[in-house]
Amino acid sequence: MPNRVTGLSSGLDTESLVTSLVSGYQKKVDNLTGNQKRLEWKQDAWKSMNSAFTKFYNGPLDTMSMKSSFMKKVTTATNPNAVKITTKDAAMNATQTMKVNKIASSAFTTGDKIEGATSGSKTLADLGLTDGGEYELKINVGKFNYNAAGEFESQDNEGTISLKFTKDSTIDEVISAIKGAKVDGSSARFNANFDANQGRIYMSAATTGNFANFTFENSVLAEKLGLLNGTYNDGSDAEIELNGVKYFDADGTFDINGLQITANEVTDKEFTITTKTDTSGIYDMVKDLLKQYNEMIKTLDTSYYADSSAKFKMLTEDEKYAMSDREVEEWEKKIKDGLLSKDSTLGEITSGLKSLMQQKFEVVLGDGSKKEMTLSDFGINTGSYLTTAKEERGVLHIDGDKDDIVSKSAEDKLQAMIDSDPDAVADFFSKLAQKLRDTMFNQMKGTTYSSSFTIYEDKLMAQQYSSYNTQIATAQERLNKKQDAYYAKFAKMETAMSKLNQVQQNMSGYFG
């Protein structure tokens, strides 16, 4: 780079002169830089549009495209404290009688008071077991069998747990061994605790049900620990009666004919449970679909109908320097807001979606007949064209929706249709959702210029952005070379004038 001499001999403002002479080259750099920044903002605008589009696509459409999703069922009980019921799709619409005879419980024993057991650190020797050998505690686990009179007869033994200790073993060590006891590698079978204040061992089965019951075999250790003759309550399976038929379950949760029933409270008399289609759920699904559609279409329309940014030029760094930060921000916002104004791709997408929402679909009515229906038949329409803002004209309103100020006073046709023929409503909206899903999927297919699940030419824009880097670098290089050439010329002129000035000074001395 040549030495950039600035008018020392000539008195000229060399820098200003060079800036003026290369202004065309600088404008080229500024234009390319501004165009690249505008493209970057347009990419961001499209990303926002794409996000709104895919959010709707990935929302309720997948679920609602299947008619079965609308046939959600709910079961209510006249004694809701007695049971908790989860209704599956296979459940039948019906009213049934029910009674809870038993709830699932765990076996529990309260040991006798242990003499001398004032803390868990007491050893078996402290309790009087001073022999040098092993002391064994055997616990039998399994189902208890009773006779017709409710008297214990036998135990179906699932397994016997053998725990061995010495005279130096502490009560805490015994408790720890009981809590870790297992049958044939299964999970731990018991909860246990020693209460030093009471001097007793408390123990329960880790699971509910009759098959988790337990007994202690007679041994000196079992007797010394108060477990042999303690107070015992056996566990029981839950027992319910549904339409006169008895069912038993160790956990207290029954799966019967599409219903998952958990018994929570014993009842003295029968109560009823009623299973029916959840029509309120259908209304909520439709409302959610339209809410998300409205959010998307409003976002798309707001950008499409915005004032065009074409009349606003990109600011150069010098222009920004001459403005306040707020002025720069407001100017750039006008550009960003209007980047997709009247964009043909955006227009095609929005008009296509709006047209689809006006389509007719053949619906099978409750009486078996068929009818072509539109959203309008369900009281779902856009607002008045003349009184609605452009960006709101694609928004759909449900007549009678209490949350919609535009349409809440109208007759609620959607709810009336759900109440009278929920199958027809499900048929229509599942077809609408499927059509929306298929259409949007096709609009998001990947192409040579766009990625999958993208509605704009992101690949092409990325190539264009990269191309700007090359163009800007080339233009900047030309600018730099031109500046260097002009500064070199001015430097030669300054040198010549300096020599001339020196000659003049010498001659002036000679004639002086």
Protein backbone atom coordinates (compact mmCIF):
# COMPACT_ATOMS: atom_id res chain seq x y z
CA MET A 1 0.00 0.00 0.00
CA PRO A 2 1.50 3.39 -1.00
CA ASN A 3 2.13 6.11 1.55
CA ARG A 4 -1.07 8.17 1.80
CA VAL A 5 0.29 11.74 1.93
CA THR A 6 -2.40 14.36 2.66
CA GLY A 7 -1.83 17.82 1.03
CA LEU A 8 1.21 18.95 2.94
CA SER A 9 2.58 20.89 -0.04
CA SER A 10 -0.56 21.49 -2.09
CA GLY A 11 -2.85 22.32 0.79
CA LEU A 12 -5.54 20.09 -0.76
CA ASP A 13 -7.98 17.91 1.33
CA THR A 14 -6.66 14.77 -0.32
CA GLU A 15 -8.81 12.36 1.72
CA SER A 16 -12.04 14.10 0.74
CA LEU A 17 -10.96 14.22 -2.89
CA VAL A 18 -10.18 10.49 -2.94
CA THR A 19 -13.45 9.68 -1.15
CA SER A 20 -15.32 11.61 -3.82
CA LEU A 21 -13.40 10.01 -6.67
CA VAL A 22 -14.09 6.44 -5.42
CA SER A 23 -17.69 7.10 -4.33
CA GLY A 24 -19.02 4.88 -7.11
CA TYR A 25 -16.92 1.97 -5.88
CA GLN A 26 -17.94 2.62 -2.24
CA LYS A 27 -21.60 2.68 -3.27
CA LYS A 28 -21.15 -0.74 -4.86
CA VAL A 29 -19.76 -2.12 -1.58
CA ASP A 30 -22.54 -0.46 0.45
CA ASN A 31 -25.26 -1.78 -1.84
CA LEU A 32 -23.96 -5.34 -1.75
CA THR A 33 -23.52 -5.22 2.03
CA GLY A 34 -27.01 -3.78 2.47
CA ASN A 35 -28.53 -6.37 0.14
CA GLN A 36 -26.86 -9.18 2.06
CA LYS A 37 -28.18 -7.81 5.36
CA ARG A 38 -31.67 -7.46 3.85
CA LEU A 39 -31.44 -11.09 2.70
CA GLU A 40 -30.40 -12.13 6.21
CA TRP A 41 -33.44 -10.37 7.67
CA LYS A 42 -35.65 -12.01 5.04
CA GLN A 43 -34.27 -15.41 6.04
CA ASP A 44 -35.19 -14.60 9.66
CA ALA A 45 -38.69 -13.52 8.59
CA TRP A 46 -39.20 -16.77 6.71
CA LYS A 47 -37.92 -18.78 9.68
CA SER A 48 -40.63 -17.13 11.78
CA MET A 49 -43.27 -17.98 9.17
CA ASN A 50 -41.99 -21.54 8.92
CA SER A 51 -42.10 -21.89 12.71
CA ALA A 52 -45.77 -20.82 12.79
CA PHE A 53 -46.55 -23.24 9.95
CA THR A 54 -44.84 -26.26 11.48
CA LYS A 55 -46.22 -25.50 14.94
CA PHE A 56 -49.73 -25.90 13.57
CA TYR A 57 -48.75 -28.97 11.55
CA ASN A 58 -47.21 -30.68 14.58
CA GLY A 59 -50.07 -29.63 16.86
CA PRO A 60 -53.55 -31.18 16.76
CA LEU A 61 -53.58 -32.29 13.12
CA ASP A 62 -51.94 -35.65 13.69
CA THR A 63 -54.39 -36.64 16.41
CA MET A 64 -57.50 -35.16 14.84
CA SER A 65 -56.89 -36.76 11.45
CA MET A 66 -58.05 -40.04 13.03
CA LYS A 67 -61.79 -40.26 13.66
CA SER A 68 -61.20 -42.48 16.68
CA SER A 69 -59.52 -39.55 18.45
CA PHE A 70 -62.90 -37.82 18.69
CA MET A 71 -64.54 -40.82 20.28
CA LYS A 72 -63.03 -40.21 23.68
CA LYS A 73 -65.15 -41.69 26.41
CA VAL A 74 -65.55 -40.79 30.05
CA THR A 75 -66.94 -42.76 32.97
CA THR A 76 -68.58 -41.19 36.00
CA ALA A 77 -69.57 -42.87 39.26
CA THR A 78 -72.42 -41.93 41.58
CA ASN A 79 -69.97 -42.66 44.42
CA PRO A 80 -66.79 -40.97 43.13
CA ASN A 81 -64.90 -41.51 46.41
CA ALA A 82 -65.15 -45.28 46.08
CA VAL A 83 -63.36 -45.70 42.77
CA LYS A 84 -61.11 -44.00 40.26
CA ILE A 85 -61.91 -44.97 36.67
CA THR A 86 -59.85 -44.50 33.51
CA THR A 87 -61.84 -45.04 30.34
CA LYS A 88 -60.15 -46.62 27.32
CA ASP A 89 -61.29 -46.51 23.71
CA ALA A 90 -62.59 -50.09 23.89
CA ALA A 91 -65.07 -49.28 26.67
CA MET A 92 -68.76 -49.60 25.86
CA ASN A 93 -71.27 -46.84 26.43
CA ALA A 94 -73.30 -48.29 29.28
CA THR A 95 -74.57 -47.84 32.85
CA GLN A 96 -73.42 -50.57 35.25
CA THR A 97 -73.87 -51.43 38.92
CA MET A 98 -70.89 -51.73 41.19
CA LYS A 99 -69.86 -52.36 44.77
CA VAL A 100 -66.48 -52.33 46.55
CA ASN A 101 -66.24 -55.13 49.11
CA LYS A 102 -62.56 -54.79 49.98
CA ILE A 103 -59.68 -52.50 49.13
CA ALA A 104 -56.15 -53.84 48.73
CA SER A 105 -54.16 -53.83 51.95
CA SER A 106 -50.73 -54.92 53.15
CA ALA A 107 -49.98 -57.49 55.82
CA PHE A 108 -48.81 -55.78 59.03
CA THR A 109 -47.45 -56.96 62.35
CA THR A 110 -46.92 -55.07 65.59
CA GLY A 111 -44.37 -56.92 67.71
CA ASP A 112 -44.60 -57.51 71.41
CA LYS A 113 -42.60 -55.22 73.67
CA ILE A 114 -38.96 -56.33 73.81
CA GLU A 115 -37.55 -56.35 77.32
CA GLY A 116 -34.35 -54.33 77.61
CA ALA A 117 -34.58 -52.92 74.07
CA THR A 118 -33.99 -49.23 74.78
CA SER A 119 -32.15 -48.54 71.50
CA GLY A 120 -31.42 -50.11 68.14
CA SER A 121 -27.78 -50.57 69.12
CA LYS A 122 -28.70 -53.20 71.69
CA THR A 123 -27.27 -56.61 70.75
CA LEU A 124 -28.99 -59.98 70.91
CA ALA A 125 -26.72 -60.72 73.85
CA ASP A 126 -28.23 -57.69 75.61
CA LEU A 127 -31.61 -59.31 75.08
CA GLY A 128 -30.45 -62.55 76.71
CA LEU A 129 -29.22 -64.53 73.69
CA THR A 130 -25.68 -65.29 74.81
CA ASP A 131 -24.94 -68.64 73.16
CA GLY A 132 -22.04 -68.63 70.73
CA GLY A 133 -23.98 -70.14 67.82
CA GLU A 134 -26.25 -68.69 65.11
CA TYR A 135 -29.77 -67.45 65.68
CA GLU A 136 -32.16 -67.93 62.78
CA LEU A 137 -35.27 -65.94 61.87
CA LYS A 138 -37.46 -67.70 59.30
CA ILE A 139 -40.25 -65.86 57.49
CA ASN A 140 -42.78 -67.71 55.34
CA VAL A 141 -44.35 -65.66 52.56
CA GLY A 142 -47.53 -66.60 50.70
CA LYS A 143 -51.29 -66.59 50.39
CA PHE A 144 -53.53 -67.29 53.38
CA ASN A 145 -56.49 -69.63 52.92
CA TYR A 146 -59.63 -69.35 55.02
CA ASN A 147 -62.70 -71.54 55.47
CA ALA A 148 -66.27 -70.43 54.92
CA ALA A 149 -66.42 -69.12 58.48
CA GLY A 150 -63.43 -66.86 57.83
CA GLU A 151 -61.06 -68.97 59.92
CA PHE A 152 -57.42 -69.44 58.84
CA GLU A 153 -56.78 -72.91 57.42
CA SER A 154 -53.47 -72.91 55.57
CA GLN A 155 -50.88 -70.86 53.75
CA ASP A 156 -49.78 -71.34 50.14
CA ASN A 157 -46.09 -70.79 50.75
CA GLU A 158 -44.38 -68.72 48.06
CA GLY A 159 -41.05 -69.12 49.78
CA THR A 160 -39.21 -69.10 53.07
CA ILE A 161 -36.67 -66.43 53.93
CA SER A 162 -33.93 -67.40 56.36
CA LEU A 163 -32.00 -64.66 58.16
CA LYS A 164 -29.11 -65.59 60.45
CA PHE A 165 -27.49 -63.58 63.24
CA THR A 166 -25.05 -63.93 66.15
CA LYS A 167 -25.23 -62.75 69.72
CA ASP A 168 -23.27 -59.65 68.67
CA SER A 169 -25.84 -58.63 66.03
CA THR A 170 -27.76 -55.47 66.92
CA ILE A 171 -31.48 -54.82 66.64
CA ASP A 172 -30.71 -52.27 63.88
CA GLU A 173 -28.84 -54.99 61.94
CA VAL A 174 -31.84 -57.30 62.28
CA ILE A 175 -34.13 -54.54 60.97
CA SER A 176 -31.78 -53.88 58.04
CA ALA A 177 -31.71 -57.59 57.15
CA ILE A 178 -35.52 -57.81 57.25
CA LYS A 179 -35.87 -54.76 54.99
CA GLY A 180 -33.50 -56.33 52.45
CA ALA A 181 -35.04 -59.79 52.55
CA LYS A 182 -36.07 -61.30 49.21
CA VAL A 183 -37.60 -64.48 47.83
CA ASP A 184 -35.72 -66.14 44.95
CA GLY A 185 -34.07 -62.93 43.75
CA SER A 186 -37.27 -60.87 43.70
CA SER A 187 -37.48 -57.33 45.03
CA ALA A 188 -37.37 -56.64 48.77
CA ARG A 189 -40.51 -57.94 50.45
CA PHE A 190 -40.84 -56.00 53.71
CA ASN A 191 -40.87 -52.63 55.39
CA ALA A 192 -39.58 -52.68 58.97
CA ASN A 193 -38.78 -50.30 61.81
CA PHE A 194 -37.74 -50.47 65.46
CA ASP A 195 -39.35 -47.84 67.70
CA ALA A 196 -37.05 -47.40 70.72
CA ASN A 197 -39.70 -45.37 72.58
CA GLN A 198 -42.15 -48.26 72.38
CA GLY A 199 -39.56 -51.02 72.43
CA ARG A 200 -41.32 -52.78 69.54
CA ILE A 201 -40.61 -53.90 66.00
CA TYR A 202 -43.16 -52.86 63.35
CA MET A 203 -43.20 -54.71 60.04
CA SER A 204 -45.33 -54.79 56.90
CA ALA A 205 -45.36 -56.40 53.46
CA ALA A 206 -43.91 -54.10 50.80
CA THR A 207 -46.85 -54.86 48.49
CA THR A 208 -50.59 -55.19 48.92
CA GLY A 209 -52.57 -58.35 48.44
CA ASN A 210 -53.17 -61.71 49.99
CA PHE A 211 -50.12 -63.36 48.43
CA ALA A 212 -47.79 -60.97 50.28
CA ASN A 213 -48.85 -62.26 53.72
CA PHE A 214 -46.19 -63.60 56.03
CA THR A 215 -45.69 -65.65 59.21
CA PHE A 216 -42.70 -66.35 61.45
CA GLU A 217 -41.59 -69.87 62.22
CA ASN A 218 -41.22 -70.67 65.90
CA SER A 219 -37.70 -69.86 67.07
CA VAL A 220 -36.02 -68.42 70.14
CA LEU A 221 -35.01 -65.33 68.13
CA ALA A 222 -38.54 -64.70 66.80
CA GLU A 223 -39.91 -64.97 70.33
CA LYS A 224 -37.19 -62.77 71.87
CA LEU A 225 -37.83 -60.07 69.23
CA GLY A 226 -41.55 -60.10 70.01
CA LEU A 227 -42.45 -61.21 66.48
CA LEU A 228 -43.86 -64.65 67.17
CA ASN A 229 -46.82 -63.54 69.23
CA GLY A 230 -47.24 -59.98 68.02
CA THR A 231 -50.47 -58.52 66.72
CA TYR A 232 -50.86 -59.46 63.05
CA ASN A 233 -53.23 -58.18 60.36
CA ASP A 234 -53.07 -60.05 57.09
CA GLY A 235 -53.14 -58.30 53.76
CA SER A 236 -56.00 -58.74 51.36
CA ASP A 237 -56.76 -58.48 47.69
CA ALA A 238 -59.18 -55.81 46.60
CA GLU A 239 -62.63 -57.18 45.80
CA ILE A 240 -65.30 -55.51 43.71
CA GLU A 241 -68.61 -56.57 42.24
CA LEU A 242 -69.47 -55.35 38.75
CA ASN A 243 -72.95 -56.23 37.59
CA GLY A 244 -73.07 -58.96 40.23
CA VAL A 245 -69.77 -60.60 39.24
CA LYS A 246 -66.90 -60.60 41.75
CA TYR A 247 -63.36 -59.62 40.74
CA PHE A 248 -60.15 -59.79 42.79
CA ASP A 249 -56.83 -57.96 42.41
CA ALA A 250 -53.80 -57.75 44.69
CA ASP A 251 -52.98 -54.13 43.71
CA GLY A 252 -56.56 -52.92 43.76
CA THR A 253 -56.62 -51.92 40.09
CA PHE A 254 -58.86 -53.87 37.73
CA ASP A 255 -58.87 -53.90 33.92
CA ILE A 256 -62.37 -54.91 32.87
CA ASN A 257 -63.91 -54.45 29.43
CA GLY A 258 -62.11 -51.21 28.57
CA LEU A 259 -62.28 -49.74 32.08
CA GLN A 260 -59.37 -49.40 34.49
CA ILE A 261 -60.96 -49.34 37.94
CA THR A 262 -59.04 -48.59 41.13
CA ALA A 263 -60.87 -49.43 44.34
CA ASN A 264 -60.34 -46.71 46.96
CA GLU A 265 -63.12 -47.11 49.53
CA VAL A 266 -65.36 -49.94 50.75
CA THR A 267 -69.05 -49.32 50.06
CA ASP A 268 -72.09 -50.59 51.96
CA LYS A 269 -74.34 -50.61 48.93
CA GLU A 270 -74.26 -50.62 45.17
CA PHE A 271 -73.69 -47.53 43.09
CA THR A 272 -73.70 -46.95 39.35
CA ILE A 273 -70.98 -46.09 36.86
CA THR A 274 -71.89 -44.59 33.49
CA THR A 275 -69.69 -44.61 30.39
CA LYS A 276 -70.49 -42.28 27.48
CA THR A 277 -68.83 -40.31 24.69
CA ASP A 278 -67.14 -37.19 26.01
CA THR A 279 -68.85 -34.53 23.90
CA SER A 280 -67.15 -31.71 25.82
CA GLY A 281 -63.85 -33.20 24.72
CA ILE A 282 -64.93 -32.99 21.07
CA TYR A 283 -65.79 -29.30 21.42
CA ASP A 284 -62.44 -28.59 23.06
CA MET A 285 -60.56 -30.43 20.30
CA VAL A 286 -62.29 -28.43 17.56
CA LYS A 287 -61.75 -25.19 19.45
CA ASP A 288 -58.06 -25.93 19.92
CA LEU A 289 -57.66 -26.78 16.23
CA LEU A 290 -59.21 -23.48 15.19
CA LYS A 291 -57.26 -21.52 17.78
CA GLN A 292 -53.95 -22.81 16.47
CA TYR A 293 -55.05 -22.34 12.87
CA ASN A 294 -56.03 -18.73 13.63
CA GLU A 295 -52.67 -18.03 15.26
CA MET A 296 -50.86 -19.36 12.20
CA ILE A 297 -53.01 -17.66 9.54
CA LYS A 298 -52.86 -14.32 11.37
CA THR A 299 -49.07 -14.51 11.50
CA LEU A 300 -48.92 -15.27 7.77
CA ASP A 301 -51.43 -12.57 6.83
CA THR A 302 -49.80 -9.92 9.01
CA SER A 303 -46.57 -10.35 7.07
CA TYR A 304 -48.30 -10.57 3.70
CA TYR A 305 -50.39 -7.40 4.16
CA ALA A 306 -47.62 -5.34 5.78
CA ASP A 307 -46.36 -2.18 4.06
CA SER A 308 -43.68 -3.05 1.54
CA SER A 309 -40.09 -2.50 2.65
CA ALA A 310 -39.00 -1.72 -0.91
CA LYS A 311 -39.27 2.05 -0.36
CA PHE A 312 -36.86 1.92 2.57
CA LYS A 313 -33.18 1.70 1.60
CA MET A 314 -30.64 -0.03 3.78
CA LEU A 315 -28.62 2.38 5.87
CA THR A 316 -24.87 2.66 5.42
CA GLU A 317 -22.60 2.91 8.44
CA ASP A 318 -22.12 6.63 7.76
CA GLU A 319 -25.90 7.15 7.64
CA LYS A 320 -26.38 5.24 10.90
CA TYR A 321 -23.68 7.38 12.52
CA ALA A 322 -25.65 10.52 11.65
CA MET A 323 -28.84 9.13 13.28
CA SER A 324 -29.84 8.32 16.87
CA ASP A 325 -30.07 4.66 17.96
CA ARG A 326 -33.86 4.94 18.16
CA GLU A 327 -34.09 6.38 14.66
CA VAL A 328 -31.97 3.54 13.31
CA GLU A 329 -34.08 0.94 15.15
CA GLU A 330 -37.38 2.37 13.83
CA TRP A 331 -36.06 2.60 10.28
CA GLU A 332 -34.80 -0.99 10.30
CA LYS A 333 -38.08 -2.24 11.82
CA LYS A 334 -39.99 -0.79 8.87
CA ILE A 335 -37.77 -2.79 6.56
CA LYS A 336 -38.04 -6.02 8.58
CA ASP A 337 -41.83 -5.82 8.95
CA GLY A 338 -42.35 -5.48 5.21
CA LEU A 339 -39.86 -7.99 3.83
CA LEU A 340 -42.57 -10.56 2.96
CA SER A 341 -45.18 -8.04 1.88
CA LYS A 342 -47.11 -9.43 -1.12
CA ASP A 343 -44.62 -12.29 -1.35
CA SER A 344 -45.94 -14.70 -4.00
CA THR A 345 -44.94 -17.85 -2.10
CA LEU A 346 -46.52 -16.61 1.11
CA GLY A 347 -49.63 -15.55 -0.80
CA GLU A 348 -50.02 -18.98 -2.40
CA ILE A 349 -49.69 -20.71 0.97
CA THR A 350 -52.22 -18.53 2.79
CA SER A 351 -54.77 -18.51 -0.02
CA GLY A 352 -54.45 -22.29 -0.33
CA LEU A 353 -55.11 -22.81 3.38
CA LYS A 354 -58.07 -20.43 3.38
CA SER A 355 -59.56 -22.14 0.34
CA LEU A 356 -59.16 -25.53 1.98
CA MET A 357 -61.02 -24.32 5.08
CA GLN A 358 -64.00 -23.53 2.84
CA GLN A 359 -64.12 -26.97 1.24
CA LYS A 360 -67.02 -29.38 1.48
CA PHE A 361 -66.61 -32.85 2.96
CA GLU A 362 -69.08 -35.71 2.71
CA VAL A 363 -70.22 -36.69 6.19
CA VAL A 364 -72.09 -39.77 7.36
CA LEU A 365 -74.94 -38.65 9.64
CA GLY A 366 -76.29 -40.56 12.60
CA ASP A 367 -79.21 -41.98 10.59
CA GLY A 368 -76.79 -43.42 8.01
CA SER A 369 -77.46 -40.82 5.31
CA LYS A 370 -74.68 -38.74 3.76
CA LYS A 371 -74.42 -34.98 3.44
CA GLU A 372 -71.84 -32.54 2.14
CA MET A 373 -70.96 -30.06 4.87
CA THR A 374 -68.67 -27.06 5.38
CA LEU A 375 -67.41 -25.27 8.46
CA SER A 376 -70.28 -22.84 8.07
CA ASP A 377 -72.76 -25.65 8.77
CA PHE A 378 -71.22 -25.86 12.24
CA GLY A 379 -71.45 -22.09 12.78
CA ILE A 380 -67.77 -21.51 12.04
CA ASN A 381 -67.06 -18.50 9.83
CA THR A 382 -64.69 -15.56 9.30
CA GLY A 383 -65.65 -12.07 10.45
CA SER A 384 -67.29 -9.45 8.24
CA TYR A 385 -64.96 -8.53 5.38
CA LEU A 386 -65.78 -4.83 5.55
CA THR A 387 -65.34 -4.43 9.29
CA THR A 388 -62.40 -6.78 9.82
CA ALA A 389 -58.75 -5.74 9.52
CA LYS A 390 -56.90 -7.35 6.62
CA GLU A 391 -54.68 -9.45 8.87
CA GLU A 392 -57.78 -10.72 10.74
CA ARG A 393 -59.90 -11.69 7.74
CA GLY A 394 -58.67 -15.26 7.70
CA VAL A 395 -59.43 -15.83 11.39
CA LEU A 396 -62.31 -18.25 12.07
CA HIS A 397 -64.91 -17.77 14.81
CA ILE A 398 -67.19 -20.34 16.45
CA ASP A 399 -70.74 -19.05 16.87
CA GLY A 400 -71.67 -19.14 20.55
CA ASP A 401 -68.09 -19.43 21.79
CA LYS A 402 -68.19 -17.53 25.08
CA ASP A 403 -64.49 -16.68 24.72
CA ASP A 404 -64.91 -15.00 21.32
CA ILE A 405 -66.17 -11.43 21.48
CA VAL A 406 -66.99 -11.48 17.75
CA SER A 407 -69.36 -14.45 17.81
CA LYS A 408 -70.33 -15.27 21.40
CA SER A 409 -73.88 -13.92 21.04
CA ALA A 410 -74.73 -16.19 18.08
CA GLU A 411 -76.42 -19.58 18.23
CA ASP A 412 -73.98 -22.35 19.13
CA LYS A 413 -74.46 -24.68 16.16
CA LEU A 414 -71.28 -26.65 16.87
CA GLN A 415 -72.36 -27.67 20.36
CA ALA A 416 -75.86 -28.50 19.13
CA MET A 417 -74.39 -30.74 16.44
CA ILE A 418 -72.09 -32.44 18.93
CA ASP A 419 -75.01 -33.12 21.24
CA SER A 420 -77.24 -34.50 18.47
CA ASP A 421 -74.73 -36.31 16.25
CA PRO A 422 -71.15 -36.52 17.62
CA ASP A 423 -70.18 -39.14 15.03
CA ALA A 424 -70.96 -36.71 12.19
CA VAL A 425 -68.86 -34.00 13.84
CA ALA A 426 -65.99 -36.45 14.25
CA ASP A 427 -66.33 -37.55 10.62
CA PHE A 428 -66.18 -33.98 9.29
CA PHE A 429 -63.31 -32.66 11.37
CA SER A 430 -61.16 -35.78 10.98
CA LYS A 431 -61.46 -35.37 7.19
CA LEU A 432 -60.69 -31.66 7.45
CA ALA A 433 -57.64 -32.32 9.64
CA GLN A 434 -56.38 -35.04 7.29
CA LYS A 435 -56.77 -32.75 4.27
CA LEU A 436 -54.92 -29.96 6.08
CA ARG A 437 -52.17 -32.34 7.08
CA ASP A 438 -51.73 -33.72 3.56
CA THR A 439 -51.74 -30.24 2.01
CA MET A 440 -49.24 -28.83 4.49
CA PHE A 441 -47.00 -31.87 4.11
CA ASN A 442 -46.87 -31.32 0.35
CA GLN A 443 -46.04 -27.64 0.89
CA MET A 444 -43.13 -28.62 3.12
CA LYS A 445 -41.61 -31.26 0.86
CA GLY A 446 -37.93 -30.79 0.25
CA THR A 447 -36.80 -29.61 -3.20
CA THR A 448 -33.56 -28.63 -4.90
CA TYR A 449 -33.91 -25.19 -3.30
CA SER A 450 -35.56 -26.04 0.04
CA SER A 451 -35.09 -28.45 2.95
CA SER A 452 -37.73 -30.90 4.16
CA PHE A 453 -40.41 -29.39 6.41
CA THR A 454 -39.59 -25.94 5.05
CA ILE A 455 -42.04 -23.71 3.16
CA TYR A 456 -39.43 -21.35 1.69
CA GLU A 457 -36.31 -21.77 -0.42
CA ASP A 458 -33.82 -21.86 2.42
CA LYS A 459 -31.12 -23.64 0.42
CA LEU A 460 -31.30 -21.06 -2.38
CA MET A 461 -31.17 -18.19 0.11
CA ALA A 462 -28.13 -19.72 1.77
CA GLN A 463 -26.40 -19.91 -1.61
CA GLN A 464 -27.33 -16.30 -2.32
CA TYR A 465 -25.97 -15.20 1.04
CA SER A 466 -22.70 -17.00 0.37
CA SER A 467 -22.52 -15.43 -3.09
CA TYR A 468 -22.78 -11.98 -1.52
CA ASN A 469 -19.65 -12.73 0.53
CA THR A 470 -17.72 -13.25 -2.70
CA GLN A 471 -19.22 -10.19 -4.40
CA ILE A 472 -18.56 -7.95 -1.39
CA ALA A 473 -14.95 -9.15 -1.14
CA THR A 474 -14.40 -8.47 -4.86
CA ALA A 475 -16.00 -5.01 -4.68
CA GLN A 476 -14.02 -4.13 -1.55
CA GLU A 477 -10.80 -5.19 -3.25
CA ARG A 478 -11.58 -2.96 -6.27
CA LEU A 479 -12.35 -0.07 -3.92
CA ASN A 480 -9.09 -0.53 -2.07
CA LYS A 481 -7.06 -0.69 -5.29
CA LYS A 482 -8.74 2.45 -6.65
CA GLN A 483 -8.11 4.30 -3.39
CA ASP A 484 -4.47 3.22 -3.41
CA ALA A 485 -4.06 4.37 -7.02
CA TYR A 486 -5.48 7.84 -6.32
CA TYR A 487 -3.44 8.25 -3.15
CA ALA A 488 -0.35 7.23 -5.12
CA LYS A 489 -1.06 9.93 -7.74
CA PHE A 490 -1.61 12.58 -5.10
CA ALA A 491 1.60 11.49 -3.38
CA LYS A 492 3.56 12.01 -6.61
CA MET A 493 1.95 15.42 -7.01
CA GLU A 494 2.84 16.36 -3.44
CA THR A 495 6.44 15.26 -4.02
CA ALA A 496 6.72 17.31 -7.24
CA MET A 497 5.21 20.37 -5.59
CA SER A 498 7.56 20.00 -2.66
CA LYS A 499 10.53 20.02 -5.03
CA LEU A 500 9.13 22.99 -6.89
CA ASN A 501 8.66 24.88 -3.64
CA GLN A 502 12.28 24.13 -2.73
CA VAL A 503 13.52 25.48 -6.09
CA GLN A 504 11.50 28.64 -5.65
CA GLN A 505 12.93 29.15 -2.17
CA ASN A 506 16.47 28.72 -3.50
CA MET A 507 15.94 31.16 -6.37
CA SER A 508 14.39 33.66 -4.01
CA GLY A 509 17.57 33.51 -1.93
CA TYR A 510 19.74 33.92 -4.97
CA PHE A 511 18.00 37.08 -6.14
CA GLY A 512 17.59 38.38 -2.67
